[in-house]
Amino acid sequence: MKIINNLYRIDTPLTNAASAPGKPGTSAAGTADGAIRLSELSSQLHQLETRLSKEPGFDAARVDQIKTAIRDGNYRVNADAVADKVIQSIRELSGIKSQSGNA
């Protein structure tokens, strides 16, 4: 197995005055007045964390219902729905725009 060098070296300083904000390799940097400026990626991660914290976790009652159905042998899998979701996931991961209503 070939080991590829990391883009970020551990012996480089965390802040780099020559780097532009929002570019790979930049990090939070202080300003003359002592304020900290976050990179664009850091800001996006913070927004995502905030949005996800507002989402409900999971429906424990629904999970128990499914567990019971599986245990009792009553759970039925909708193969068409599963296939559609798998195809949709592959399209999203590969960047292909989905056609409305067509698989």
PDB file of N, CA and C in Angstrom:
ATOM      1  N   MET A   1       0.855  -1.177   0.000  1.00  0.00           N
ATOM      2  CA  MET A   1       0.000   0.000   0.000  1.00  0.00           C
ATOM      3  C   MET A   1       0.892   1.227   0.000  1.00  0.00           C
ATOM      4  N   LYS A   2       0.603   2.160  -0.875  1.00  0.00           N
ATOM      5  CA  LYS A   2       1.375   3.383  -0.978  1.00  0.00           C
ATOM      6  C   LYS A   2       0.841   4.410   0.004  1.00  0.00           C
ATOM      7  N   ILE A   3       1.730   5.024   0.731  1.00  0.00           N
ATOM      8  CA  ILE A   3       1.336   6.068   1.681  1.00  0.00           C
ATOM      9  C   ILE A   3       1.535   7.408   0.999  1.00  0.00           C
ATOM     10  N   ILE A   4       0.471   8.192   0.968  1.00  0.00           N
ATOM     11  CA  ILE A   4       0.504   9.495   0.314  1.00  0.00           C
ATOM     12  C   ILE A   4       0.721  10.556   1.380  1.00  0.00           C
ATOM     13  N   ASN A   5       1.604  11.499   1.079  1.00  0.00           N
ATOM     14  CA  ASN A   5       1.852  12.579   2.036  1.00  0.00           C
ATOM     15  C   ASN A   5       0.576  13.376   2.261  1.00  0.00           C
ATOM     16  N   ASN A   6       0.351  13.771   3.493  1.00  0.00           N
ATOM     17  CA  ASN A   6      -0.816  14.585   3.815  1.00  0.00           C
ATOM     18  C   ASN A   6      -0.654  15.989   3.259  1.00  0.00           C
ATOM     19  N   LEU A   7      -1.767  16.637   2.996  1.00  0.00           N
ATOM     20  CA  LEU A   7      -1.730  18.013   2.526  1.00  0.00           C
ATOM     21  C   LEU A   7      -1.272  18.961   3.624  1.00  0.00           C
ATOM     22  N   TYR A   8      -1.547  18.638   4.850  1.00  0.00           N
ATOM     23  CA  TYR A   8      -1.217  19.487   5.979  1.00  0.00           C
ATOM     24  C   TYR A   8      -0.116  18.822   6.787  1.00  0.00           C
ATOM     25  N   ARG A   9       0.936  19.532   7.003  1.00  0.00           N
ATOM     26  CA  ARG A   9       2.051  18.982   7.749  1.00  0.00           C
ATOM     27  C   ARG A   9       1.886  19.337   9.219  1.00  0.00           C
ATOM     28  N   ILE A  10       2.325  18.453  10.079  1.00  0.00           N
ATOM     29  CA  ILE A  10       2.158  18.704  11.510  1.00  0.00           C
ATOM     30  C   ILE A  10       3.205  19.661  12.054  1.00  0.00           C
ATOM     31  N   ASP A  11       4.267  19.936  11.289  1.00  0.00           N
ATOM     32  CA  ASP A  11       5.303  20.825  11.787  1.00  0.00           C
ATOM     33  C   ASP A  11       5.140  22.267  11.303  1.00  0.00           C
ATOM     34  N   THR A  12       4.030  22.568  10.612  1.00  0.00           N
ATOM     35  CA  THR A  12       3.792  23.937  10.173  1.00  0.00           C
ATOM     36  C   THR A  12       2.913  24.650  11.180  1.00  0.00           C
ATOM     37  N   PRO A  13       3.057  25.959  11.310  1.00  0.00           N
ATOM     38  CA  PRO A  13       2.234  26.698  12.282  1.00  0.00           C
ATOM     39  C   PRO A  13       0.767  26.675  11.881  1.00  0.00           C
ATOM     40  N   LEU A  14      -0.100  26.823  12.877  1.00  0.00           N
ATOM     41  CA  LEU A  14      -1.540  26.795  12.625  1.00  0.00           C
ATOM     42  C   LEU A  14      -2.008  28.026  11.870  1.00  0.00           C
ATOM     43  N   THR A  15      -1.376  29.143  12.071  1.00  0.00           N
ATOM     44  CA  THR A  15      -1.779  30.350  11.362  1.00  0.00           C
ATOM     45  C   THR A  15      -0.718  30.697  10.343  1.00  0.00           C
ATOM     46  N   ASN A  16      -1.159  31.252   9.227  1.00  0.00           N
ATOM     47  CA  ASN A  16      -0.258  31.624   8.165  1.00  0.00           C
ATOM     48  C   ASN A  16      -0.743  32.942   7.609  1.00  0.00           C
ATOM     49  N   ALA A  17      -0.031  34.004   7.865  1.00  0.00           N
ATOM     50  CA  ALA A  17      -0.471  35.337   7.470  1.00  0.00           C
ATOM     51  C   ALA A  17      -0.576  35.474   5.955  1.00  0.00           C
ATOM     52  N   ALA A  18       0.180  34.691   5.195  1.00  0.00           N
ATOM     53  CA  ALA A  18       0.160  34.810   3.740  1.00  0.00           C
ATOM     54  C   ALA A  18      -1.041  34.118   3.114  1.00  0.00           C
ATOM     55  N   SER A  19      -1.708  33.253   3.845  1.00  0.00           N
ATOM     56  CA  SER A  19      -2.838  32.508   3.295  1.00  0.00           C
ATOM     57  C   SER A  19      -4.090  33.364   3.283  1.00  0.00           C
ATOM     58  N   ALA A  20      -4.887  33.179   2.255  1.00  0.00           N
ATOM     59  CA  ALA A  20      -6.156  33.904   2.160  1.00  0.00           C
ATOM     60  C   ALA A  20      -7.234  33.127   2.899  1.00  0.00           C
ATOM     61  N   PRO A  21      -8.208  33.821   3.515  1.00  0.00           N
ATOM     62  CA  PRO A  21      -9.274  33.109   4.222  1.00  0.00           C
ATOM     63  C   PRO A  21     -10.106  32.282   3.258  1.00  0.00           C
ATOM     64  N   GLY A  22     -10.536  31.112   3.722  1.00  0.00           N
ATOM     65  CA  GLY A  22     -11.395  30.252   2.931  1.00  0.00           C
ATOM     66  C   GLY A  22     -10.644  29.335   1.998  1.00  0.00           C
ATOM     67  N   LYS A  23      -9.311  29.447   1.940  1.00  0.00           N
ATOM     68  CA  LYS A  23      -8.511  28.572   1.086  1.00  0.00           C
ATOM     69  C   LYS A  23      -8.058  27.366   1.884  1.00  0.00           C
ATOM     70  N   PRO A  24      -7.854  26.221   1.228  1.00  0.00           N
ATOM     71  CA  PRO A  24      -7.364  25.047   1.936  1.00  0.00           C
ATOM     72  C   PRO A  24      -6.040  25.351   2.612  1.00  0.00           C
ATOM     73  N   GLY A  25      -5.902  24.828   3.817  1.00  0.00           N
ATOM     74  CA  GLY A  25      -4.668  25.023   4.557  1.00  0.00           C
ATOM     75  C   GLY A  25      -4.716  26.203   5.498  1.00  0.00           C
ATOM     76  N   THR A  26      -5.745  27.023   5.413  1.00  0.00           N
ATOM     77  CA  THR A  26      -5.830  28.142   6.333  1.00  0.00           C
ATOM     78  C   THR A  26      -6.598  27.732   7.567  1.00  0.00           C
ATOM     79  N   SER A  27      -6.390  28.467   8.618  1.00  0.00           N
ATOM     80  CA  SER A  27      -7.095  28.187   9.856  1.00  0.00           C
ATOM     81  C   SER A  27      -7.510  29.508  10.468  1.00  0.00           C
ATOM     82  N   ALA A  28      -8.065  29.446  11.670  1.00  0.00           N
ATOM     83  CA  ALA A  28      -8.481  30.665  12.343  1.00  0.00           C
ATOM     84  C   ALA A  28      -7.252  31.543  12.549  1.00  0.00           C
ATOM     85  N   ALA A  29      -7.393  32.815  12.268  1.00  0.00           N
ATOM     86  CA  ALA A  29      -6.273  33.730  12.429  1.00  0.00           C
ATOM     87  C   ALA A  29      -6.719  34.951  13.205  1.00  0.00           C
ATOM     88  N   GLY A  30      -5.832  35.473  14.009  1.00  0.00           N
ATOM     89  CA  GLY A  30      -6.141  36.669  14.783  1.00  0.00           C
ATOM     90  C   GLY A  30      -5.989  37.908  13.933  1.00  0.00           C
ATOM     91  N   THR A  31      -6.675  38.971  14.298  1.00  0.00           N
ATOM     92  CA  THR A  31      -6.545  40.243  13.610  1.00  0.00           C
ATOM     93  C   THR A  31      -5.849  41.213  14.548  1.00  0.00           C
ATOM     94  N   ALA A  32      -5.591  42.410  14.064  1.00  0.00           N
ATOM     95  CA  ALA A  32      -4.873  43.398  14.854  1.00  0.00           C
ATOM     96  C   ALA A  32      -5.609  43.727  16.153  1.00  0.00           C
ATOM     97  N   ASP A  33      -6.938  43.696  16.121  1.00  0.00           N
ATOM     98  CA  ASP A  33      -7.687  44.032  17.338  1.00  0.00           C
ATOM     99  C   ASP A  33      -7.924  42.813  18.232  1.00  0.00           C
ATOM    100  N   GLY A  34      -7.319  41.682  17.896  1.00  0.00           N
ATOM    101  CA  GLY A  34      -7.429  40.487  18.743  1.00  0.00           C
ATOM    102  C   GLY A  34      -8.613  39.595  18.409  1.00  0.00           C
ATOM    103  N   ALA A  35      -9.456  39.999  17.443  1.00  0.00           N
ATOM    104  CA  ALA A  35     -10.599  39.165  17.051  1.00  0.00           C
ATOM    105  C   ALA A  35     -10.100  37.972  16.245  1.00  0.00           C
ATOM    106  N   ILE A  36     -10.855  36.918  16.268  1.00  0.00           N
ATOM    107  CA  ILE A  36     -10.495  35.719  15.514  1.00  0.00           C
ATOM    108  C   ILE A  36     -11.381  35.619  14.291  1.00  0.00           C
ATOM    109  N   ARG A  37     -10.765  35.384  13.138  1.00  0.00           N
ATOM    110  CA  ARG A  37     -11.497  35.238  11.884  1.00  0.00           C
ATOM    111  C   ARG A  37     -11.474  33.761  11.523  1.00  0.00           C
ATOM    112  N   LEU A  38     -12.644  33.168  11.323  1.00  0.00           N
ATOM    113  CA  LEU A  38     -12.749  31.759  10.984  1.00  0.00           C
ATOM    114  C   LEU A  38     -12.722  31.572   9.475  1.00  0.00           C
ATOM    115  N   SER A  39     -12.199  30.450   9.040  1.00  0.00           N
ATOM    116  CA  SER A  39     -12.184  30.158   7.610  1.00  0.00           C
ATOM    117  C   SER A  39     -13.613  29.880   7.140  1.00  0.00           C
ATOM    118  N   GLU A  40     -13.800  29.905   5.844  1.00  0.00           N
ATOM    119  CA  GLU A  40     -15.125  29.641   5.276  1.00  0.00           C
ATOM    120  C   GLU A  40     -15.587  28.232   5.637  1.00  0.00           C
ATOM    121  N   LEU A  41     -14.684  27.261   5.569  1.00  0.00           N
ATOM    122  CA  LEU A  41     -15.036  25.887   5.910  1.00  0.00           C
ATOM    123  C   LEU A  41     -15.465  25.781   7.370  1.00  0.00           C
ATOM    124  N   SER A  42     -14.765  26.468   8.245  1.00  0.00           N
ATOM    125  CA  SER A  42     -15.124  26.443   9.658  1.00  0.00           C
ATOM    126  C   SER A  42     -16.514  27.035   9.877  1.00  0.00           C
ATOM    127  N   SER A  43     -16.799  28.113   9.179  1.00  0.00           N
ATOM    128  CA  SER A  43     -18.128  28.737   9.283  1.00  0.00           C
ATOM    129  C   SER A  43     -19.216  27.795   8.771  1.00  0.00           C
ATOM    130  N   GLN A  44     -18.938  27.103   7.659  1.00  0.00           N
ATOM    131  CA  GLN A  44     -19.908  26.157   7.115  1.00  0.00           C
ATOM    132  C   GLN A  44     -20.146  25.006   8.086  1.00  0.00           C
ATOM    133  N   LEU A  45     -19.081  24.507   8.707  1.00  0.00           N
ATOM    134  CA  LEU A  45     -19.229  23.426   9.685  1.00  0.00           C
ATOM    135  C   LEU A  45     -20.053  23.875  10.881  1.00  0.00           C
ATOM    136  N   HIS A  46     -19.838  25.112  11.316  1.00  0.00           N
ATOM    137  CA  HIS A  46     -20.616  25.635  12.439  1.00  0.00           C
ATOM    138  C   HIS A  46     -22.096  25.735  12.080  1.00  0.00           C
ATOM    139  N   GLN A  47     -22.394  26.210  10.865  1.00  0.00           N
ATOM    140  CA  GLN A  47     -23.788  26.301  10.418  1.00  0.00           C
ATOM    141  C   GLN A  47     -24.423  24.916  10.348  1.00  0.00           C
ATOM    142  N   LEU A  48     -23.678  23.935   9.835  1.00  0.00           N
ATOM    143  CA  LEU A  48     -24.189  22.568   9.748  1.00  0.00           C
ATOM    144  C   LEU A  48     -24.451  21.995  11.131  1.00  0.00           C
ATOM    145  N   GLU A  49     -23.534  22.225  12.056  1.00  0.00           N
ATOM    146  CA  GLU A  49     -23.709  21.736  13.423  1.00  0.00           C
ATOM    147  C   GLU A  49     -24.950  22.352  14.067  1.00  0.00           C
ATOM    148  N   THR A  50     -25.147  23.633  13.853  1.00  0.00           N
ATOM    149  CA  THR A  50     -26.320  24.315  14.402  1.00  0.00           C
ATOM    150  C   THR A  50     -27.603  23.737  13.824  1.00  0.00           C
ATOM    151  N   ARG A  51     -27.622  23.536  12.502  1.00  0.00           N
ATOM    152  CA  ARG A  51     -28.813  22.991  11.844  1.00  0.00           C
ATOM    153  C   ARG A  51     -29.099  21.568  12.314  1.00  0.00           C
ATOM    154  N   LEU A  52     -28.055  20.740  12.438  1.00  0.00           N
ATOM    155  CA  LEU A  52     -28.256  19.357  12.870  1.00  0.00           C
ATOM    156  C   LEU A  52     -28.692  19.265  14.322  1.00  0.00           C
ATOM    157  N   SER A  53     -28.260  20.209  15.148  1.00  0.00           N
ATOM    158  CA  SER A  53     -28.654  20.164  16.559  1.00  0.00           C
ATOM    159  C   SER A  53     -30.143  20.433  16.732  1.00  0.00           C
ATOM    160  N   LYS A  54     -30.767  21.074  15.731  1.00  0.00           N
ATOM    161  CA  LYS A  54     -32.203  21.348  15.793  1.00  0.00           C
ATOM    162  C   LYS A  54     -33.043  20.184  15.277  1.00  0.00           C
ATOM    163  N   GLU A  55     -32.400  19.251  14.567  1.00  0.00           N
ATOM    164  CA  GLU A  55     -33.111  18.092  14.018  1.00  0.00           C
ATOM    165  C   GLU A  55     -33.404  17.095  15.132  1.00  0.00           C
ATOM    166  N   PRO A  56     -34.570  16.450  15.056  1.00  0.00           N
ATOM    167  CA  PRO A  56     -34.837  15.409  16.048  1.00  0.00           C
ATOM    168  C   PRO A  56     -33.895  14.231  15.827  1.00  0.00           C
ATOM    169  N   GLY A  57     -33.576  13.527  16.877  1.00  0.00           N
ATOM    170  CA  GLY A  57     -32.687  12.380  16.776  1.00  0.00           C
ATOM    171  C   GLY A  57     -33.303  11.285  15.942  1.00  0.00           C
ATOM    172  N   PHE A  58     -33.885  10.322  16.574  1.00  0.00           N
ATOM    173  CA  PHE A  58     -34.577   9.262  15.863  1.00  0.00           C
ATOM    174  C   PHE A  58     -35.836   8.928  16.634  1.00  0.00           C
ATOM    175  N   ASP A  59     -36.763   8.290  15.965  1.00  0.00           N
ATOM    176  CA  ASP A  59     -38.042   7.936  16.555  1.00  0.00           C
ATOM    177  C   ASP A  59     -37.912   6.568  17.226  1.00  0.00           C
ATOM    178  N   ALA A  60     -37.688   6.566  18.532  1.00  0.00           N
ATOM    179  CA  ALA A  60     -37.473   5.322  19.275  1.00  0.00           C
ATOM    180  C   ALA A  60     -38.693   4.398  19.176  1.00  0.00           C
ATOM    181  N   ALA A  61     -39.890   4.965  19.173  1.00  0.00           N
ATOM    182  CA  ALA A  61     -41.100   4.147  19.076  1.00  0.00           C
ATOM    183  C   ALA A  61     -41.145   3.433  17.722  1.00  0.00           C
ATOM    184  N   ARG A  62     -40.757   4.139  16.665  1.00  0.00           N
ATOM    185  CA  ARG A  62     -40.747   3.528  15.331  1.00  0.00           C
ATOM    186  C   ARG A  62     -39.692   2.420  15.251  1.00  0.00           C
ATOM    187  N   VAL A  63     -38.529   2.652  15.862  1.00  0.00           N
ATOM    188  CA  VAL A  63     -37.473   1.635  15.879  1.00  0.00           C
ATOM    189  C   VAL A  63     -37.964   0.387  16.600  1.00  0.00           C
ATOM    190  N   ASP A  64     -38.627   0.568  17.742  1.00  0.00           N
ATOM    191  CA  ASP A  64     -39.174  -0.581  18.482  1.00  0.00           C
ATOM    192  C   ASP A  64     -40.233  -1.318  17.666  1.00  0.00           C
ATOM    193  N   GLN A  65     -41.050  -0.563  16.950  1.00  0.00           N
ATOM    194  CA  GLN A  65     -42.086  -1.167  16.106  1.00  0.00           C
ATOM    195  C   GLN A  65     -41.446  -2.036  15.018  1.00  0.00           C
ATOM    196  N   ILE A  66     -40.405  -1.535  14.399  1.00  0.00           N
ATOM    197  CA  ILE A  66     -39.717  -2.297  13.353  1.00  0.00           C
ATOM    198  C   ILE A  66     -39.027  -3.517  13.945  1.00  0.00           C
ATOM    199  N   LYS A  67     -38.399  -3.355  15.103  1.00  0.00           N
ATOM    200  CA  LYS A  67     -37.749  -4.491  15.771  1.00  0.00           C
ATOM    201  C   LYS A  67     -38.745  -5.606  16.048  1.00  0.00           C
ATOM    202  N   THR A  68     -39.895  -5.224  16.545  1.00  0.00           N
ATOM    203  CA  THR A  68     -40.930  -6.205  16.862  1.00  0.00           C
ATOM    204  C   THR A  68     -41.402  -6.911  15.596  1.00  0.00           C
ATOM    205  N   ALA A  69     -41.609  -6.144  14.527  1.00  0.00           N
ATOM    206  CA  ALA A  69     -42.057  -6.736  13.262  1.00  0.00           C
ATOM    207  C   ALA A  69     -41.015  -7.712  12.721  1.00  0.00           C
ATOM    208  N   ILE A  70     -39.741  -7.363  12.829  1.00  0.00           N
ATOM    209  CA  ILE A  70     -38.676  -8.271  12.366  1.00  0.00           C
ATOM    210  C   ILE A  70     -38.653  -9.526  13.222  1.00  0.00           C
ATOM    211  N   ARG A  71     -38.716  -9.352  14.528  1.00  0.00           N
ATOM    212  CA  ARG A  71     -38.687 -10.492  15.452  1.00  0.00           C
ATOM    213  C   ARG A  71     -39.861 -11.433  15.205  1.00  0.00           C
ATOM    214  N   ASP A  72     -41.036 -10.872  14.924  1.00  0.00           N
ATOM    215  CA  ASP A  72     -42.237 -11.680  14.710  1.00  0.00           C
ATOM    216  C   ASP A  72     -42.357 -12.207  13.278  1.00  0.00           C
ATOM    217  N   GLY A  73     -41.458 -11.789  12.405  1.00  0.00           N
ATOM    218  CA  GLY A  73     -41.505 -12.244  11.015  1.00  0.00           C
ATOM    219  C   GLY A  73     -42.535 -11.518  10.179  1.00  0.00           C
ATOM    220  N   ASN A  74     -42.998 -10.364  10.622  1.00  0.00           N
ATOM    221  CA  ASN A  74     -44.026  -9.608   9.895  1.00  0.00           C
ATOM    222  C   ASN A  74     -43.476  -8.436   9.092  1.00  0.00           C
ATOM    223  N   TYR A  75     -42.181  -8.203   9.176  1.00  0.00           N
ATOM    224  CA  TYR A  75     -41.608  -7.042   8.489  1.00  0.00           C
ATOM    225  C   TYR A  75     -41.450  -7.352   7.006  1.00  0.00           C
ATOM    226  N   ARG A  76     -41.966  -6.493   6.170  1.00  0.00           N
ATOM    227  CA  ARG A  76     -41.883  -6.669   4.728  1.00  0.00           C
ATOM    228  C   ARG A  76     -41.029  -5.532   4.143  1.00  0.00           C
ATOM    229  N   VAL A  77     -40.124  -5.897   3.279  1.00  0.00           N
ATOM    230  CA  VAL A  77     -39.258  -4.912   2.636  1.00  0.00           C
ATOM    231  C   VAL A  77     -39.840  -4.567   1.278  1.00  0.00           C
ATOM    232  N   ASN A  78     -39.973  -3.280   1.013  1.00  0.00           N
ATOM    233  CA  ASN A  78     -40.434  -2.810  -0.290  1.00  0.00           C
ATOM    234  C   ASN A  78     -39.194  -2.671  -1.170  1.00  0.00           C
ATOM    235  N   ALA A  79     -38.913  -3.707  -1.953  1.00  0.00           N
ATOM    236  CA  ALA A  79     -37.701  -3.756  -2.768  1.00  0.00           C
ATOM    237  C   ALA A  79     -37.628  -2.598  -3.758  1.00  0.00           C
ATOM    238  N   ASP A  80     -38.753  -2.195  -4.312  1.00  0.00           N
ATOM    239  CA  ASP A  80     -38.756  -1.077  -5.265  1.00  0.00           C
ATOM    240  C   ASP A  80     -38.319   0.220  -4.580  1.00  0.00           C
ATOM    241  N   ALA A  81     -38.839   0.464  -3.382  1.00  0.00           N
ATOM    242  CA  ALA A  81     -38.478   1.676  -2.655  1.00  0.00           C
ATOM    243  C   ALA A  81     -36.999   1.658  -2.274  1.00  0.00           C
ATOM    244  N   VAL A  82     -36.496   0.505  -1.835  1.00  0.00           N
ATOM    245  CA  VAL A  82     -35.082   0.390  -1.479  1.00  0.00           C
ATOM    246  C   VAL A  82     -34.213   0.643  -2.704  1.00  0.00           C
ATOM    247  N   ALA A  83     -34.555   0.038  -3.828  1.00  0.00           N
ATOM    248  CA  ALA A  83     -33.784   0.231  -5.057  1.00  0.00           C
ATOM    249  C   ALA A  83     -33.784   1.694  -5.485  1.00  0.00           C
ATOM    250  N   ASP A  84     -34.938   2.350  -5.407  1.00  0.00           N
ATOM    251  CA  ASP A  84     -35.019   3.767  -5.769  1.00  0.00           C
ATOM    252  C   ASP A  84     -34.120   4.619  -4.886  1.00  0.00           C
ATOM    253  N   LYS A  85     -34.097   4.333  -3.581  1.00  0.00           N
ATOM    254  CA  LYS A  85     -33.262   5.095  -2.645  1.00  0.00           C
ATOM    255  C   LYS A  85     -31.779   4.851  -2.907  1.00  0.00           C
ATOM    256  N   VAL A  86     -31.407   3.614  -3.228  1.00  0.00           N
ATOM    257  CA  VAL A  86     -30.006   3.302  -3.524  1.00  0.00           C
ATOM    258  C   VAL A  86     -29.574   4.062  -4.777  1.00  0.00           C
ATOM    259  N   ILE A  87     -30.391   4.044  -5.806  1.00  0.00           N
ATOM    260  CA  ILE A  87     -30.075   4.761  -7.047  1.00  0.00           C
ATOM    261  C   ILE A  87     -29.972   6.254  -6.777  1.00  0.00           C
ATOM    262  N   GLN A  88     -30.893   6.788  -5.996  1.00  0.00           N
ATOM    263  CA  GLN A  88     -30.868   8.208  -5.659  1.00  0.00           C
ATOM    264  C   GLN A  88     -29.588   8.563  -4.900  1.00  0.00           C
ATOM    265  N   SER A  89     -29.182   7.720  -3.960  1.00  0.00           N
ATOM    266  CA  SER A  89     -27.957   7.971  -3.195  1.00  0.00           C
ATOM    267  C   SER A  89     -26.733   7.959  -4.101  1.00  0.00           C
ATOM    268  N   ILE A  90     -26.681   7.008  -5.019  1.00  0.00           N
ATOM    269  CA  ILE A  90     -25.549   6.923  -5.948  1.00  0.00           C
ATOM    270  C   ILE A  90     -25.492   8.165  -6.819  1.00  0.00           C
ATOM    271  N   ARG A  91     -26.638   8.614  -7.286  1.00  0.00           N
ATOM    272  CA  ARG A  91     -26.670   9.829  -8.106  1.00  0.00           C
ATOM    273  C   ARG A  91     -26.198  11.038  -7.314  1.00  0.00           C
ATOM    274  N   GLU A  92     -26.632  11.152  -6.070  1.00  0.00           N
ATOM    275  CA  GLU A  92     -26.212  12.286  -5.242  1.00  0.00           C
ATOM    276  C   GLU A  92     -24.712  12.240  -4.986  1.00  0.00           C
ATOM    277  N   LEU A  93     -24.188  11.059  -4.702  1.00  0.00           N
ATOM    278  CA  LEU A  93     -22.763  10.932  -4.418  1.00  0.00           C
ATOM    279  C   LEU A  93     -21.906  11.172  -5.655  1.00  0.00           C
ATOM    280  N   SER A  94     -22.419  10.825  -6.818  1.00  0.00           N
ATOM    281  CA  SER A  94     -21.648  11.001  -8.044  1.00  0.00           C
ATOM    282  C   SER A  94     -21.903  12.351  -8.694  1.00  0.00           C
ATOM    283  N   GLY A  95     -22.824  13.128  -8.159  1.00  0.00           N
ATOM    284  CA  GLY A  95     -23.091  14.455  -8.693  1.00  0.00           C
ATOM    285  C   GLY A  95     -24.035  14.481  -9.869  1.00  0.00           C
ATOM    286  N   ILE A  96     -24.702  13.375 -10.142  1.00  0.00           N
ATOM    287  CA  ILE A  96     -25.657  13.326 -11.254  1.00  0.00           C
ATOM    288  C   ILE A  96     -26.979  13.890 -10.772  1.00  0.00           C
ATOM    289  N   LYS A  97     -27.525  14.825 -11.532  1.00  0.00           N
ATOM    290  CA  LYS A  97     -28.814  15.390 -11.157  1.00  0.00           C
ATOM    291  C   LYS A  97     -29.912  14.393 -11.479  1.00  0.00           C
ATOM    292  N   SER A  98     -30.813  14.208 -10.521  1.00  0.00           N
ATOM    293  CA  SER A  98     -31.885  13.227 -10.707  1.00  0.00           C
ATOM    294  C   SER A  98     -32.977  13.809 -11.580  1.00  0.00           C
ATOM    295  N   GLN A  99     -33.506  12.969 -12.452  1.00  0.00           N
ATOM    296  CA  GLN A  99     -34.615  13.380 -13.302  1.00  0.00           C
ATOM    297  C   GLN A  99     -35.884  13.156 -12.496  1.00  0.00           C
ATOM    298  N   SER A 100     -36.778  14.132 -12.496  1.00  0.00           N
ATOM    299  CA  SER A 100     -37.980  14.029 -11.670  1.00  0.00           C
ATOM    300  C   SER A 100     -38.862  12.886 -12.154  1.00  0.00           C
ATOM    301  N   GLY A 101     -39.084  11.939 -11.219  1.00  0.00           N
ATOM    302  CA  GLY A 101     -39.995  10.844 -11.497  1.00  0.00           C
ATOM    303  C   GLY A 101     -39.401   9.701 -12.275  1.00  0.00           C
ATOM    304  N   ASN A 102     -38.210   9.878 -12.863  1.00  0.00           N
ATOM    305  CA  ASN A 102     -37.596   8.797 -13.640  1.00  0.00           C
ATOM    306  C   ASN A 102     -36.439   8.194 -12.878  1.00  0.00           C
ATOM    307  N   ALA A 103     -36.298   6.869 -12.985  1.00  0.00           N
ATOM    308  CA  ALA A 103     -35.197   6.201 -12.291  1.00  0.00           C
ATOM    309  C   ALA A 103     -34.032   5.977 -13.205  1.00  0.00           C
TER     310      ALA A 103
END
